[in-house]
Protein backbone atom coordinates (compact mmCIF):
# COMPACT_ATOMS: atom_id res chain seq x y z
CA MET A 1 23.16 27.64 -2.92
CA PHE A 2 21.90 28.09 0.62
CA ILE A 3 23.52 26.48 3.63
CA MET A 4 21.55 23.64 5.27
CA GLU A 5 21.97 24.03 8.99
CA ALA A 6 20.25 22.82 12.10
CA GLY A 7 20.01 25.70 14.52
CA SER A 8 21.35 29.26 14.15
CA ASN A 9 19.76 32.20 12.33
CA THR A 10 22.54 32.10 9.73
CA ASP A 11 21.81 28.88 8.74
CA GLY A 12 2.46 14.33 -2.59
CA MET A 13 -6.53 6.53 -12.55
CA GLY A 14 -8.97 7.18 -14.62
CA MET A 15 -8.56 9.54 -17.63
CA SER A 16 -10.61 12.35 -16.04
CA VAL A 17 -8.49 12.19 -12.87
CA MET A 18 -5.27 12.17 -14.93
CA PHE A 19 -6.48 15.23 -16.82
CA ARG A 20 -7.12 17.13 -13.60
CA MET A 21 -3.66 16.18 -12.34
CA GLY A 22 -2.15 17.53 -15.55
CA ARG A 23 -4.02 20.82 -15.15
CA LEU A 24 -2.77 21.00 -11.58
CA ALA A 25 0.84 20.67 -12.75
CA LEU A 26 0.41 23.32 -15.43
CA ALA A 27 -1.26 25.70 -13.00
CA ALA A 28 1.57 25.24 -10.52
CA THR A 29 4.14 26.09 -13.19
CA MET A 30 2.19 29.20 -14.15
CA LEU A 31 1.95 30.18 -10.50
CA LEU A 32 5.72 30.35 -10.15
CA CYS A 33 6.56 31.39 -13.71
CA GLY A 34 8.50 34.62 -13.81
CA VAL A 35 8.50 35.03 -10.03
CA GLU A 36 11.89 35.46 -8.44
CA PRO A 37 12.35 33.90 -4.99
CA ALA A 38 12.19 36.43 -2.20
CA SER A 39 15.04 37.03 0.23
CA ALA A 40 13.05 35.07 2.82
CA ALA A 41 10.44 32.38 2.28
CA GLU A 42 7.02 33.53 1.16
CA ILE A 43 4.36 31.01 2.20
CA GLU A 44 0.99 31.71 0.61
CA LYS A 45 -2.26 29.87 -0.12
CA PHE A 46 -3.84 30.18 -3.57
CA ASP A 47 -7.22 29.00 -4.89
CA LEU A 48 -7.23 28.80 -8.68
CA PRO A 49 -10.43 28.76 -10.75
CA GLY A 50 -11.49 25.29 -11.88
CA ILE A 51 -9.09 23.48 -9.54
CA ALA A 52 -10.59 22.09 -6.33
CA VAL A 53 -7.27 21.40 -4.60
CA PRO A 54 -5.79 24.54 -3.00
CA PHE A 55 -2.16 25.45 -3.63
CA VAL A 56 0.34 26.48 -0.99
CA SER A 57 3.40 28.14 -2.46
CA ILE A 58 6.76 28.19 -0.66
CA ARG A 59 9.28 30.49 -2.36
CA GLY A 60 12.64 31.64 -1.07
CA PRO A 61 15.04 30.56 1.69
CA ILE A 62 13.64 28.57 4.62
CA GLU A 63 14.28 30.64 7.74
CA ALA A 64 13.46 30.70 11.44
CA GLY A 65 9.73 30.63 12.16
CA ASP A 66 8.74 29.25 8.74
CA GLY A 67 7.55 25.96 10.26
CA GLU A 68 4.98 27.72 12.42
CA LYS A 69 4.11 30.10 9.59
CA PHE A 70 3.36 27.12 7.30
CA GLU A 71 1.17 25.53 9.99
CA THR A 72 -0.82 28.75 10.26
CA VAL A 73 -1.31 29.05 6.48
CA VAL A 74 -2.55 25.46 6.04
CA ARG A 75 -4.67 25.27 9.18
CA GLY A 76 -8.12 23.83 8.37
CA LEU A 77 -7.14 22.47 4.95
CA ASN A 78 -8.15 18.86 4.29
CA ARG A 79 -5.91 18.63 1.24
CA ALA A 80 -3.40 20.79 -0.57
CA SER A 81 -0.60 20.76 -3.11
CA VAL A 82 2.56 22.41 -1.83
CA ILE A 83 4.51 24.05 -4.67
CA LEU A 84 8.20 24.52 -3.96
CA GLN A 85 10.87 26.89 -5.27
CA SER A 86 13.66 27.41 -2.75
CA PRO A 87 17.45 27.31 -2.46
CA GLY A 88 17.11 25.61 0.94
CA GLY A 89 17.61 26.90 4.46
CA LEU A 90 17.25 25.75 8.03
CA VAL A 91 16.95 22.01 8.55
CA LYS A 92 14.86 22.36 11.70
CA GLU A 93 12.24 24.50 9.94
CA ALA A 94 12.21 22.27 6.85
CA LEU A 95 11.60 19.17 8.97
CA HIS A 96 8.80 21.01 10.78
CA ILE A 97 7.13 21.86 7.45
CA GLY A 98 7.75 18.33 6.11
CA ALA A 99 6.21 16.71 9.18
CA THR A 100 3.10 18.88 8.82
CA ILE A 101 2.80 17.94 5.14
CA ARG A 102 3.05 14.22 5.89
CA ILE A 103 0.62 14.32 8.84
CA GLU A 104 -1.95 16.29 6.83
CA GLY A 105 -1.52 14.11 3.72
CA PHE A 106 -0.55 16.93 1.35
CA ALA A 107 1.08 16.54 -2.05
CA THR A 108 4.33 18.29 -2.96
CA MET A 109 5.52 19.52 -6.33
CA VAL A 110 8.60 21.06 -7.93
CA PRO A 111 7.44 22.28 -11.34
CA ALA A 112 9.49 21.98 -14.52
CA ASP A 113 12.64 24.13 -14.63
CA LYS A 114 12.25 25.25 -11.01
CA GLU A 115 14.81 24.70 -8.22
CA CYS A 116 14.39 23.00 -4.88
CA PHE A 117 17.72 22.50 -3.14
CA SER A 118 18.97 21.32 0.24
CA ALA A 119 16.33 21.72 2.95
CA CYS A 120 13.69 22.31 0.28
CA GLY A 121 14.28 18.75 -0.98
CA LEU A 122 13.48 17.46 2.51
CA ILE A 123 10.13 19.22 2.30
CA TRP A 124 9.42 17.82 -1.18
CA VAL A 125 10.13 14.21 -0.21
CA SER A 126 7.64 14.44 2.68
CA GLY A 127 4.67 14.62 0.29
CA VAL A 128 2.28 11.68 0.23
CA ARG A 129 2.35 12.25 -3.53
CA ARG A 130 5.50 13.79 -4.97
CA TYR A 131 5.39 15.54 -8.33
CA MET A 132 8.41 16.43 -10.46
CA SER A 133 9.48 16.57 -14.11
CA ASP A 134 12.65 15.66 -15.97
CA THR A 135 13.73 19.29 -15.69
CA SER A 136 12.80 19.89 -12.05
CA GLN A 137 16.02 20.62 -10.21
CA ILE A 138 15.84 18.86 -6.84
CA GLY A 139 19.27 18.71 -5.21
CA PHE A 140 20.67 17.38 -1.96
CA HIS A 141 23.81 17.63 0.14
CA ALA A 142 24.82 17.04 3.73
CA ALA A 143 23.78 19.55 6.37
CA TYR A 144 26.58 21.83 7.50
CA ARG A 145 27.30 25.10 9.26
CA GLU A 146 29.79 27.86 8.71
CA GLU A 147 32.50 28.20 11.37
CA ASN A 148 35.25 30.79 11.06
CA GLY A 149 34.76 31.04 7.31
CA GLU A 150 34.85 27.28 6.78
CA TYR A 151 32.01 24.86 6.04
CA ARG A 152 31.75 21.93 8.43
CA GLU A 153 29.21 19.12 8.34
CA SER A 154 26.72 19.16 11.19
CA GLY A 155 26.57 15.68 12.68
CA ILE A 156 23.49 16.49 14.74
CA ALA A 157 21.56 17.89 11.77
CA ASN A 158 22.52 14.97 9.54
CA ALA A 159 21.40 12.53 12.25
CA GLU A 160 18.05 14.34 12.45
CA ILE A 161 17.72 14.15 8.67
CA GLY A 162 18.49 10.42 8.71
CA SER A 163 15.88 9.78 11.41
CA TYR A 164 13.31 11.90 9.55
CA LEU A 165 13.87 10.08 6.23
CA THR A 166 13.70 6.71 7.99
CA HIS A 167 10.30 7.64 9.43
CA LEU A 168 9.18 8.54 5.90
CA GLY A 169 9.99 4.96 4.92
CA LEU A 170 13.08 5.61 2.81
CA ARG A 171 15.74 2.92 2.68
CA ILE A 172 19.39 3.47 3.56
CA GLU A 173 20.58 4.05 -0.03
CA ALA A 174 18.18 6.98 -0.40
CA ILE A 175 19.21 8.45 2.94
CA ARG A 176 22.85 8.25 1.94
CA TYR A 177 22.06 9.94 -1.38
CA PHE A 178 20.41 12.83 0.44
CA THR A 179 23.47 13.48 2.61
CA ALA A 180 26.44 12.36 0.49
CA ALA A 181 27.45 15.57 -1.32
CA GLY A 182 29.71 18.13 0.32
CA PRO A 183 28.95 21.80 1.08
CA ASN A 184 29.70 23.08 -2.42
CA ASP A 185 28.04 20.29 -4.38
CA PHE A 186 24.62 18.85 -5.03
CA LEU A 187 23.36 15.43 -6.06
CA LEU A 188 20.42 16.05 -8.34
CA LEU A 189 17.42 13.74 -8.23
CA THR A 190 15.82 12.69 -11.52
CA PRO A 191 12.63 10.62 -11.90
CA ASP A 192 14.73 7.60 -12.92
CA ARG A 193 17.11 8.05 -10.00
CA ALA A 194 14.13 8.31 -7.66
CA ARG A 195 12.84 4.93 -8.95
CA MET A 196 16.27 3.40 -8.30
CA LEU A 197 16.24 4.72 -4.74
CA GLY A 198 12.70 3.53 -4.00
CA ILE A 199 11.15 7.03 -3.98
CA GLU A 200 7.73 7.03 -5.65
CA THR A 201 7.06 10.06 -7.84
CA TYR A 202 4.45 11.36 -10.24
CA LYS A 203 6.35 12.49 -13.32
CA ILE A 204 5.02 15.63 -14.99
CA ASP A 205 5.35 16.05 -18.76
CA GLY A 206 3.24 19.00 -19.79
CA ALA A 207 -0.37 18.00 -19.12
CA ASN A 208 0.57 14.33 -18.83
CA ILE A 209 1.36 12.50 -15.60
CA THR A 210 3.21 9.19 -15.27
CA THR A 211 2.06 7.57 -12.02
CA PRO A 212 4.10 5.30 -9.72
CA SER A 213 1.98 2.34 -10.82
CA ALA A 214 2.96 3.00 -14.45
CA ALA A 215 6.65 3.41 -13.57
CA PRO A 216 7.25 1.40 -10.37
CA THR A 217 10.30 1.79 -8.18
CA VAL A 218 12.87 -0.98 -8.04
CA ASP A 219 11.60 -1.80 -4.54
CA VAL A 220 8.18 -2.64 -6.00
CA TYR A 221 9.82 -4.91 -8.57
CA ALA A 222 11.81 -6.65 -5.82
CA ASP A 223 8.66 -7.25 -3.75
CA ARG A 224 6.83 -8.60 -6.80
CA PHE A 225 9.71 -10.90 -7.69
CA VAL A 226 9.82 -12.44 -4.22
CA SER A 227 6.00 -12.70 -4.11
CA LEU A 228 5.85 -14.44 -7.49
CA SER A 229 8.62 -16.79 -6.36
CA LEU A 230 6.52 -17.64 -3.32
CA LEU A 231 3.50 -18.40 -5.50
CA GLN A 232 5.59 -20.79 -7.56
CA SER A 233 6.99 -22.63 -4.57
CA ARG A 234 5.43 -22.64 -1.11
CA CYS A 235 1.99 -21.54 -2.33
CA ALA A 236 1.62 -23.94 -5.24
CA PRO A 237 0.18 -26.84 -3.16
CA PHE A 238 -2.54 -24.56 -1.77
CA LEU A 239 -3.43 -22.43 -4.79
CA GLN A 240 -2.60 -24.69 -7.74
CA PRO A 241 -1.65 -21.70 -9.94
CA ASP A 242 -0.81 -21.74 -13.62
CA THR A 243 2.92 -21.97 -12.99
CA ALA A 244 3.85 -21.13 -16.57
CA ALA A 245 1.97 -17.82 -16.33
CA VAL A 246 3.54 -17.04 -12.95
CA LYS A 247 7.00 -17.83 -14.31
CA ARG A 248 6.51 -15.44 -17.24
CA SER A 249 5.52 -12.65 -14.85
CA GLN A 250 8.46 -13.44 -12.60
CA GLU A 251 10.92 -13.27 -15.49
CA GLU A 252 9.50 -9.94 -16.66
CA VAL A 253 9.74 -8.46 -13.16
CA PHE A 254 13.29 -9.75 -12.74
CA ALA A 255 14.35 -8.16 -16.04
CA GLU A 256 12.84 -4.77 -15.12
CA GLY A 257 14.47 -4.66 -11.70
CA ASN A 258 17.82 -5.77 -13.06
CA LYS A 259 17.65 -3.11 -15.80
CA LEU A 260 16.96 -0.34 -13.30
CA VAL A 261 19.86 -0.87 -10.90
CA GLY A 262 22.17 -3.54 -12.31
CA SER A 263 22.74 -7.12 -11.25
CA ASP A 264 24.56 -6.67 -7.93
CA LYS A 265 22.18 -4.07 -6.44
CA TRP A 266 19.13 -5.89 -7.78
CA ILE A 267 20.11 -9.19 -6.18
CA ASP A 268 20.90 -7.39 -2.94
CA LEU A 269 17.46 -5.74 -2.91
CA TRP A 270 15.30 -8.82 -3.36
CA THR A 271 17.41 -11.07 -1.14
CA ARG A 272 16.86 -8.62 1.72
CA LEU A 273 13.15 -9.42 1.56
CA LEU A 274 13.61 -13.14 2.09
CA GLU A 275 13.97 -12.80 5.86
CA ASP A 276 10.65 -10.94 6.00
CA VAL A 277 9.03 -13.77 4.04
CA LYS A 278 10.47 -16.37 6.40
CA SER A 279 9.24 -14.39 9.39
CA GLY A 280 5.74 -14.12 7.91
CA LEU A 281 5.62 -17.84 7.19
CA ASN A 282 6.68 -18.63 10.74
CA ASN A 283 4.26 -16.20 12.37
CA LYS A 284 1.14 -16.54 10.20
CA GLY A 285 1.66 -19.85 8.45
CA ALA A 286 2.00 -20.56 4.74
CA LEU A 287 -1.75 -20.73 4.13
CA LEU A 288 -2.57 -17.17 5.17
CA ILE A 289 0.64 -15.72 3.70
CA CYS A 290 -0.18 -17.31 0.35
CA ILE A 291 -3.70 -15.87 0.36
CA GLU A 292 -2.34 -12.41 1.23
CA THR A 293 0.42 -12.63 -1.38
CA GLU A 294 -1.97 -13.53 -4.20
CA ALA A 295 -4.34 -10.73 -3.17
CA SER A 296 -1.52 -8.17 -3.11
CA LEU A 297 -0.22 -9.13 -6.56
CA ARG A 298 -3.73 -9.21 -8.03
CA GLY A 299 -4.41 -5.78 -6.56
CA GLN A 300 -1.37 -4.49 -8.44
CA GLY A 301 -2.66 -5.93 -11.71
CA GLN A 302 -0.08 -8.72 -11.77
CA GLU A 303 -0.60 -12.18 -13.22
CA THR A 304 -0.96 -14.68 -10.37
CA GLY A 305 -1.91 -17.78 -12.33
CA ILE A 306 -5.24 -17.86 -10.44
CA ASN A 307 -7.88 -17.55 -13.16
CA GLY A 308 -10.90 -19.00 -11.39
CA PRO A 309 -12.06 -20.97 -8.34
CA SER A 310 -11.35 -24.66 -7.78
CA PHE A 311 -14.19 -25.76 -10.06
CA SER A 312 -15.15 -25.04 -13.67
CA CYS A 313 -17.33 -21.96 -13.86
CA ALA A 314 -18.89 -23.38 -17.03
CA ALA A 315 -20.61 -25.91 -14.75
CA ALA A 316 -21.66 -23.40 -12.06
CA THR A 317 -25.39 -23.49 -11.27
CA THR A 318 -26.05 -22.34 -7.68
CA ALA A 319 -26.09 -18.73 -6.51
CA THR A 320 -22.98 -19.43 -4.41
CA GLU A 321 -21.06 -20.98 -7.29
CA LEU A 322 -22.01 -18.16 -9.65
CA SER A 323 -20.92 -15.56 -7.09
CA LEU A 324 -17.62 -17.36 -6.56
CA CYS A 325 -16.98 -17.19 -10.29
CA ARG A 326 -17.70 -13.45 -10.36
CA GLN A 327 -15.43 -12.52 -7.43
CA PRO A 328 -11.66 -12.82 -8.18
CA GLU A 329 -10.84 -12.14 -4.50
CA LEU A 330 -12.51 -15.46 -3.63
CA TRP A 331 -10.67 -17.62 -6.16
CA ALA A 332 -7.47 -18.22 -4.19
CA LYS A 333 -9.47 -18.81 -1.00
CA ASP A 334 -11.67 -21.40 -2.70
CA ARG A 335 -8.67 -23.13 -4.26
CA ALA A 336 -6.91 -23.29 -0.89
CA MET A 337 -9.97 -24.76 0.81
CA ASN A 338 -10.34 -27.39 -1.93
CA SER A 339 -6.62 -28.31 -1.76
CA ILE A 340 -6.79 -28.76 2.02
CA TYR A 341 -9.96 -30.86 1.72
CA MET A 342 -8.41 -33.14 -0.91
CA TRP A 343 -5.22 -33.55 1.12
CA VAL A 344 -7.13 -34.39 4.31
CA ARG A 345 -9.32 -36.90 2.47
CA ASN A 346 -6.32 -38.69 1.00
CA ASN A 347 -3.69 -38.48 3.73
CA VAL A 348 -5.14 -38.22 7.25
CA GLU A 349 -5.81 -41.21 9.52
CA LYS A 350 -9.40 -42.47 9.20
CA SER A 351 -10.87 -41.45 12.58
CA VAL A 352 -9.35 -37.97 12.39
CA ARG A 353 -10.35 -37.66 8.74
CA LYS A 354 -13.97 -38.48 9.55
CA ARG A 355 -14.15 -35.75 12.18
CA LEU A 356 -12.50 -33.15 9.92
CA LEU A 357 -14.77 -34.00 7.01
CA GLU A 358 -17.83 -33.56 9.22
CA VAL A 359 -16.63 -30.08 10.07
CA GLN A 360 -16.00 -29.43 6.37
CA ARG A 361 -19.56 -30.42 5.46
CA SER A 362 -20.90 -28.10 8.16
CA TRP A 363 -18.76 -25.29 6.75
CA LEU A 364 -20.00 -25.95 3.21
CA LYS A 365 -23.57 -25.52 4.47
CA ASP A 366 -22.66 -22.17 6.03
CA ARG A 367 -20.97 -21.13 2.80
CA ASN A 368 -23.92 -22.12 0.62
CA ASP A 369 -26.32 -20.30 2.97
CA CYS A 370 -24.59 -17.09 1.84
CA GLY A 371 -26.09 -17.54 -1.61
CA GLY A 372 -24.67 -14.84 -3.86
CA ASP A 373 -23.67 -12.47 -1.02
CA ALA A 374 -19.97 -11.80 -1.71
CA LYS A 375 -19.38 -10.12 1.66
CA CYS A 376 -20.85 -13.14 3.48
CA LEU A 377 -18.77 -15.53 1.35
CA ASN A 378 -15.55 -13.68 2.10
CA ALA A 379 -16.28 -13.72 5.82
CA VAL A 380 -17.07 -17.47 5.84
CA TYR A 381 -13.94 -18.32 3.88
CA ASP A 382 -11.74 -16.07 6.04
CA GLN A 383 -13.02 -17.59 9.27
CA ARG A 384 -12.41 -21.15 8.13
CA LEU A 385 -9.00 -20.42 6.61
CA ASN A 386 -7.94 -18.80 9.86
CA GLU A 387 -8.97 -21.97 11.71
CA LEU A 388 -6.86 -24.04 9.30
CA LYS A 389 -3.82 -21.75 9.22
CA ALA A 390 -1.56 -24.28 10.94
CA ILE A 391 -1.97 -26.74 8.07
CA ASP A 392 0.93 -26.85 5.63
CA LEU A 393 0.62 -28.93 2.50
CA PRO A 394 3.68 -30.74 1.15
CA GLY A 395 5.04 -29.66 -2.24
């Protein structure tokens, strides 16, 4: 165990892509296999045959000057995988290395059966893609310094760690986990624990990789649950979704989130998001928020209950109609436009309705002039929806 300390000298598909990722993990393990950590950190760049992504290996205690040394080693690299095996070391240097990794967009990895403790864990979590296995030993404890033979927590260093982790986007529970253990203890991070804390990881199992999309964090489940709830309620008048399908997805998401962290923490997580939803509705309006919400869920492969535009594609004949049927990103937009049109036609005072319907007919001409050009159609829909964003349809 190496003391985390702030100042003194004593102190992150297709099958082919997945296959390459697996080879990368195996190569990293081989790189460190049988190599004992040095008395001070060795920071080296390796290019392995058949693997396009360069490796940067960090082995041994993190000491003074290692931040600048790492910057020198990686200078000019557009991408890299940083392989870690270290008992920890100086917080200041680890945060320097971590900041460089995040700015440059590098991946980080602790191979199977290798150790990455204390300050090393702060480097690992900085990766834009974080790799680990069930047997990777990634451990955390509070920063401290030795004074007169006793270990005392360093308030300044722990504050710096908290600020650093906040800038990485970690929530408070994860930050607490990183700094909760005392000087002689570690809290070990497993792939499942990382999911509970909202830390996305790529889980290595031999040549196989489980991606964050295949094993989402509980935060992703919470966001999906709230988004699906929005589709069922505030968005239903605009999008006319298949509510039964949305409800099934919502129930599945709820069950997964609840299973990961338990009822109390799960409820706390998704209820925190409600204020953000309210703020978005107030600032952007329900119409645009609903369009964005459906697009986000669809992009994640989630069922949104939107299985076509506002009309039957079996009856589509024009180039515009056929293009609308082929482009899922246009379905919610077309449904929203149709719902607004129908509401205006049936509910607005006659003189105002006449003026609005004239504008609608002009817009339909612009839309149909796009023919089958999907980019043109998206632009025309987006412009008109933005003009109508203040409209809110009753449930």
